[in-house]
N, C-alpha and C. Protein backbone atom coordinates (compact mmCIF):
# COMPACT_ATOMS: atom_id res chain seq x y z
N UNK A 1 26.72 108.83 -20.80
CA UNK A 1 27.02 107.90 -19.73
C UNK A 1 28.41 108.62 -19.09
N UNK A 2 28.90 107.90 -17.95
CA UNK A 2 29.95 108.46 -17.30
C UNK A 2 31.14 107.43 -17.34
N UNK A 3 32.27 107.79 -16.90
CA UNK A 3 33.26 106.86 -16.87
C UNK A 3 33.96 107.14 -15.42
N UNK A 4 34.29 105.77 -14.94
CA UNK A 4 34.92 105.85 -13.42
C UNK A 4 36.53 105.55 -13.47
N UNK A 5 37.14 106.30 -12.78
CA UNK A 5 38.47 105.90 -12.58
C UNK A 5 38.61 104.53 -11.82
N UNK A 6 39.30 103.59 -12.51
CA UNK A 6 39.42 102.24 -11.88
C UNK A 6 40.78 102.02 -11.25
N UNK A 7 41.56 102.93 -11.03
CA UNK A 7 42.79 102.79 -10.57
C UNK A 7 42.94 101.99 -9.38
N UNK A 8 42.26 102.19 -8.57
CA UNK A 8 42.13 101.42 -7.28
C UNK A 8 41.78 99.86 -7.49
N UNK A 9 40.84 99.52 -8.29
CA UNK A 9 40.69 98.19 -8.63
C UNK A 9 41.71 97.57 -9.54
N UNK A 10 42.33 98.25 -10.28
CA UNK A 10 43.59 97.82 -11.13
C UNK A 10 44.69 97.52 -10.26
N UNK A 11 44.96 98.40 -9.36
CA UNK A 11 46.02 98.10 -8.26
C UNK A 11 45.74 96.88 -7.40
N UNK A 12 44.41 96.70 -6.95
CA UNK A 12 44.07 95.52 -6.20
C UNK A 12 44.27 94.21 -7.18
N UNK A 13 43.71 94.35 -8.28
CA UNK A 13 43.87 93.16 -9.24
C UNK A 13 45.27 92.87 -9.51
N UNK A 14 46.15 93.68 -9.62
CA UNK A 14 47.50 93.50 -10.12
C UNK A 14 48.35 92.74 -8.76
N UNK A 15 47.84 93.31 -7.63
CA UNK A 15 48.42 92.86 -6.36
C UNK A 15 48.07 91.32 -6.00
N UNK A 16 46.69 90.96 -6.27
CA UNK A 16 46.34 89.88 -6.15
C UNK A 16 46.04 88.75 -7.20
N UNK A 17 46.71 89.38 -8.27
CA UNK A 17 46.60 88.41 -9.56
C UNK A 17 47.23 87.10 -9.52
N UNK A 18 48.25 86.88 -8.65
CA UNK A 18 48.86 85.74 -8.25
C UNK A 18 48.65 85.26 -6.64
N UNK A 19 47.33 85.15 -6.35
CA UNK A 19 46.96 85.01 -4.88
C UNK A 19 47.68 83.77 -4.33
N UNK A 20 48.03 82.86 -5.03
CA UNK A 20 48.54 81.65 -4.36
C UNK A 20 50.09 81.93 -3.78
N UNK A 21 50.56 83.20 -3.99
CA UNK A 21 51.93 83.26 -3.31
C UNK A 21 51.60 84.01 -1.81
N UNK A 22 50.36 84.18 -1.38
CA UNK A 22 50.06 84.90 -0.13
C UNK A 22 49.75 83.78 0.77
N UNK A 23 49.90 84.26 2.10
CA UNK A 23 49.54 83.23 3.13
C UNK A 23 48.13 83.83 3.62
N UNK A 24 47.53 82.89 4.24
CA UNK A 24 46.10 83.28 4.74
C UNK A 24 46.19 84.75 5.76
N UNK A 25 47.26 84.70 6.59
CA UNK A 25 47.20 86.02 7.21
C UNK A 25 47.25 87.19 6.38
N UNK A 26 47.72 87.16 5.10
CA UNK A 26 47.86 88.29 4.23
C UNK A 26 46.46 88.62 3.68
N UNK A 27 45.50 87.71 3.76
CA UNK A 27 44.09 87.96 3.12
C UNK A 27 43.18 87.98 4.33
N UNK A 28 43.22 87.46 5.34
CA UNK A 28 42.14 87.43 6.50
C UNK A 28 42.80 87.91 7.71
N UNK A 29 41.83 88.41 8.60
CA UNK A 29 42.37 88.64 10.09
C UNK A 29 42.67 87.52 10.79
N UNK A 30 43.61 87.55 11.48
CA UNK A 30 44.00 86.19 12.21
C UNK A 30 43.44 86.25 13.55
N UNK A 31 43.05 85.12 14.13
CA UNK A 31 42.21 85.10 15.34
C UNK A 31 42.77 83.76 16.12
N UNK A 32 42.95 83.86 17.39
CA UNK A 32 43.22 82.82 18.12
C UNK A 32 42.32 81.72 18.13
N UNK A 33 42.65 80.51 17.55
CA UNK A 33 41.64 79.45 17.66
C UNK A 33 41.06 79.14 18.90
N UNK A 34 41.49 79.31 19.88
CA UNK A 34 40.86 79.02 21.34
C UNK A 34 39.78 80.00 21.62
N UNK A 35 39.89 81.07 21.04
CA UNK A 35 38.87 82.17 21.38
C UNK A 35 37.54 81.96 20.44
N UNK A 36 37.64 80.89 19.47
CA UNK A 36 36.39 80.76 18.59
C UNK A 36 35.67 79.51 19.32
N UNK A 37 34.40 79.85 19.48
CA UNK A 37 33.49 78.77 20.21
C UNK A 37 33.22 77.60 19.26
N UNK A 38 32.84 77.92 17.96
CA UNK A 38 32.59 76.74 17.15
C UNK A 38 33.21 76.95 15.93
N UNK A 39 34.43 76.39 15.49
CA UNK A 39 35.18 76.73 14.49
C UNK A 39 34.59 76.33 13.11
N UNK A 40 33.52 75.41 12.96
CA UNK A 40 32.79 75.31 11.80
C UNK A 40 32.04 76.22 11.51
N UNK A 41 31.60 77.05 12.47
CA UNK A 41 30.87 78.31 11.97
C UNK A 41 31.55 79.74 11.81
N UNK A 42 32.68 79.56 12.30
CA UNK A 42 33.55 80.67 12.05
C UNK A 42 33.62 81.31 10.72
N UNK A 43 33.30 82.49 10.46
CA UNK A 43 33.46 83.11 9.28
C UNK A 43 34.63 84.17 9.31
N UNK A 44 35.84 83.99 8.49
CA UNK A 44 36.95 84.74 8.66
C UNK A 44 36.56 86.17 8.12
N UNK A 45 37.31 87.23 8.63
CA UNK A 45 37.20 88.56 8.10
C UNK A 45 38.38 88.75 7.18
N UNK A 46 37.81 89.16 5.98
CA UNK A 46 38.76 89.33 4.84
C UNK A 46 39.30 90.69 5.12
N UNK A 47 40.80 90.88 4.95
CA UNK A 47 41.29 92.37 5.02
C UNK A 47 41.99 92.50 3.85
N UNK A 48 41.99 91.66 2.84
CA UNK A 48 42.77 91.74 1.64
C UNK A 48 42.59 93.04 1.02
N UNK A 49 41.37 93.53 0.79
CA UNK A 49 40.97 94.62 0.14
C UNK A 49 41.52 95.90 0.80
N UNK A 50 41.23 95.96 2.20
CA UNK A 50 41.79 97.06 2.86
C UNK A 50 43.30 97.25 2.92
N UNK A 51 43.94 96.04 3.04
CA UNK A 51 45.54 96.05 2.83
C UNK A 51 45.91 96.47 1.63
N UNK A 52 45.12 96.35 0.55
CA UNK A 52 45.42 96.83 -0.80
C UNK A 52 45.10 98.16 -1.09
N UNK A 53 44.39 99.00 -0.09
CA UNK A 53 44.16 100.34 -0.31
C UNK A 53 42.71 100.57 -0.71
N UNK A 54 41.80 99.64 -0.81
CA UNK A 54 40.46 99.99 -1.40
C UNK A 54 39.78 100.73 0.03
N UNK A 55 39.13 101.89 -0.36
CA UNK A 55 38.74 102.94 0.53
C UNK A 55 37.64 101.98 1.33
N UNK A 56 37.45 102.37 2.87
CA UNK A 56 36.56 101.66 3.61
C UNK A 56 35.07 101.82 3.30
N UNK A 57 34.65 102.88 2.56
CA UNK A 57 33.37 103.17 2.16
C UNK A 57 32.91 102.11 1.00
N UNK A 58 33.89 101.83 0.36
CA UNK A 58 33.73 100.78 -0.75
C UNK A 58 33.54 99.39 -0.20
N UNK A 59 34.45 99.11 0.74
CA UNK A 59 34.54 97.74 1.40
C UNK A 59 33.04 97.68 2.32
N UNK A 60 32.74 98.68 2.82
CA UNK A 60 31.50 98.41 3.60
C UNK A 60 30.21 98.16 2.77
N UNK A 61 30.17 98.78 1.59
CA UNK A 61 28.95 98.42 0.63
C UNK A 61 29.07 97.13 -0.21
N UNK A 62 30.23 96.52 -0.09
CA UNK A 62 30.29 95.21 -0.85
C UNK A 62 29.25 94.25 -0.64
N UNK A 63 29.07 93.93 0.80
CA UNK A 63 28.28 92.79 1.10
C UNK A 63 26.79 93.04 0.44
N UNK A 64 26.21 94.21 0.49
CA UNK A 64 24.93 94.78 0.16
C UNK A 64 25.00 94.59 -1.32
N UNK A 65 25.96 94.98 -2.14
CA UNK A 65 25.91 95.11 -3.63
C UNK A 65 26.02 93.51 -4.14
N UNK A 66 26.75 92.66 -3.18
CA UNK A 66 26.62 91.08 -3.46
C UNK A 66 25.20 90.62 -3.46
N UNK A 67 24.59 90.97 -2.42
CA UNK A 67 23.09 90.45 -2.16
C UNK A 67 22.20 91.01 -3.41
N UNK A 68 22.39 92.29 -3.82
CA UNK A 68 21.54 92.74 -4.62
C UNK A 68 21.93 92.59 -6.34
N UNK A 69 23.03 92.00 -6.46
CA UNK A 69 23.77 91.78 -7.84
C UNK A 69 22.75 91.05 -8.74
N UNK A 70 21.77 90.18 -8.20
CA UNK A 70 21.08 89.32 -9.15
C UNK A 70 19.47 90.14 -9.19
N UNK A 71 19.39 90.99 -8.81
CA UNK A 71 18.14 91.75 -8.75
C UNK A 71 17.79 92.60 -9.83
N UNK A 72 16.73 92.22 -10.61
CA UNK A 72 16.46 93.09 -11.91
C UNK A 72 16.04 94.41 -11.59
N UNK A 73 15.26 94.60 -10.53
CA UNK A 73 14.79 96.03 -10.14
C UNK A 73 16.08 96.88 -9.80
N UNK A 74 16.98 96.32 -8.86
CA UNK A 74 18.05 97.12 -8.37
C UNK A 74 19.07 97.27 -9.69
N UNK A 75 19.14 96.50 -10.62
CA UNK A 75 19.91 96.83 -11.85
C UNK A 75 19.31 97.94 -12.63
N UNK A 76 18.02 97.77 -12.80
CA UNK A 76 17.24 99.01 -13.52
C UNK A 76 17.48 100.33 -12.78
N UNK A 77 17.25 100.20 -11.53
CA UNK A 77 17.50 101.68 -10.65
C UNK A 77 19.00 102.03 -10.98
N UNK A 78 19.95 100.95 -10.71
CA UNK A 78 21.25 101.37 -11.03
C UNK A 78 21.59 102.27 -12.30
N UNK A 79 21.19 101.44 -13.28
CA UNK A 79 21.27 102.10 -14.90
C UNK A 79 20.59 103.36 -14.84
N UNK A 80 19.30 103.45 -14.23
CA UNK A 80 18.80 104.83 -14.31
C UNK A 80 19.56 105.92 -13.62
N UNK A 81 20.08 105.53 -12.34
CA UNK A 81 20.91 106.62 -11.62
C UNK A 81 22.24 106.78 -12.45
N UNK A 82 22.87 105.90 -13.10
CA UNK A 82 24.08 105.94 -13.74
C UNK A 82 23.80 106.82 -15.01
N UNK A 83 22.65 106.86 -15.62
CA UNK A 83 22.48 107.64 -16.83
C UNK A 83 22.34 109.07 -16.43
N UNK A 84 21.85 109.31 -15.21
CA UNK A 84 21.93 110.76 -14.75
C UNK A 84 23.06 111.29 -14.35
N UNK A 85 24.16 110.68 -14.47
CA UNK A 85 25.53 111.04 -13.92
C UNK A 85 26.14 111.23 -15.17
N UNK A 86 26.76 112.47 -15.64
CA UNK A 86 27.34 112.74 -16.98
C UNK A 86 28.76 112.86 -16.72
N UNK A 87 29.55 112.99 -15.75
CA UNK A 87 30.81 113.50 -15.55
C UNK A 87 31.68 112.37 -15.25
N UNK A 88 32.98 112.46 -15.39
CA UNK A 88 33.95 111.46 -14.83
C UNK A 88 33.73 111.44 -13.37
N UNK A 89 33.75 110.38 -12.94
CA UNK A 89 33.68 109.88 -11.55
C UNK A 89 35.02 109.69 -11.05
N UNK A 90 35.66 110.34 -10.26
CA UNK A 90 37.03 110.28 -10.00
C UNK A 90 37.49 108.85 -9.14
N UNK A 91 36.62 108.62 -8.34
CA UNK A 91 37.00 107.47 -7.43
C UNK A 91 35.83 106.69 -7.04
N UNK A 92 36.11 105.54 -6.55
CA UNK A 92 35.19 104.44 -6.18
C UNK A 92 34.31 105.08 -5.05
N UNK A 93 34.81 105.78 -4.08
CA UNK A 93 34.11 106.43 -3.07
C UNK A 93 33.05 107.48 -3.62
N UNK A 94 33.27 108.00 -4.71
CA UNK A 94 32.21 108.73 -5.35
C UNK A 94 31.14 107.90 -6.11
N UNK A 95 31.43 106.72 -6.52
CA UNK A 95 30.52 105.77 -7.15
C UNK A 95 29.58 105.47 -5.95
N UNK A 96 30.10 105.12 -4.77
CA UNK A 96 29.27 104.75 -3.71
C UNK A 96 28.43 105.93 -3.28
N UNK A 97 28.87 107.14 -3.24
CA UNK A 97 28.04 108.24 -2.79
C UNK A 97 26.92 108.62 -3.89
N UNK A 98 27.31 108.66 -5.01
CA UNK A 98 26.37 109.20 -6.16
C UNK A 98 25.50 108.17 -6.81
N UNK A 99 25.87 106.83 -6.74
CA UNK A 99 25.22 105.79 -7.23
C UNK A 99 24.53 104.68 -6.31
N UNK A 100 25.59 104.12 -5.61
CA UNK A 100 25.24 102.99 -4.79
C UNK A 100 24.30 103.61 -3.62
N UNK A 101 24.65 104.45 -2.90
CA UNK A 101 23.77 104.76 -1.69
C UNK A 101 22.52 105.13 -2.11
N UNK A 102 22.27 106.04 -3.26
CA UNK A 102 21.03 106.55 -3.53
C UNK A 102 20.23 105.36 -4.07
N UNK A 103 20.70 104.35 -4.87
CA UNK A 103 19.96 103.23 -5.40
C UNK A 103 19.60 102.37 -4.36
N UNK A 104 20.35 101.99 -3.29
CA UNK A 104 19.97 101.09 -2.10
C UNK A 104 18.98 101.90 -1.34
N UNK A 105 18.98 103.24 -1.13
CA UNK A 105 18.00 103.95 -0.38
C UNK A 105 16.71 103.85 -0.99
N UNK A 106 16.34 103.70 -2.36
CA UNK A 106 15.35 103.56 -3.09
C UNK A 106 14.66 102.46 -2.87
């Protein structure tokens, strides 16, 4: 099996461990309320991960991973792909390139 450097995740976790100390503008992109047609349907854009230094490539794939999280087939393909990687994976970007993207493409 391989191991992944989780330094970025550890930094994000420690930064947001006490999330109650932040204002919404620290976590989500601000928007002028007058520019929103229907506030009940507005979905805020979370920027907390980007501000914490999580690479764009990782942030971009998170919604897809969330959708596939409960898929038995996806998990089996993920495990199969992971078992073929033997080296230390130095970053989350490499996890996306060597594991996430190939599994999603299958």
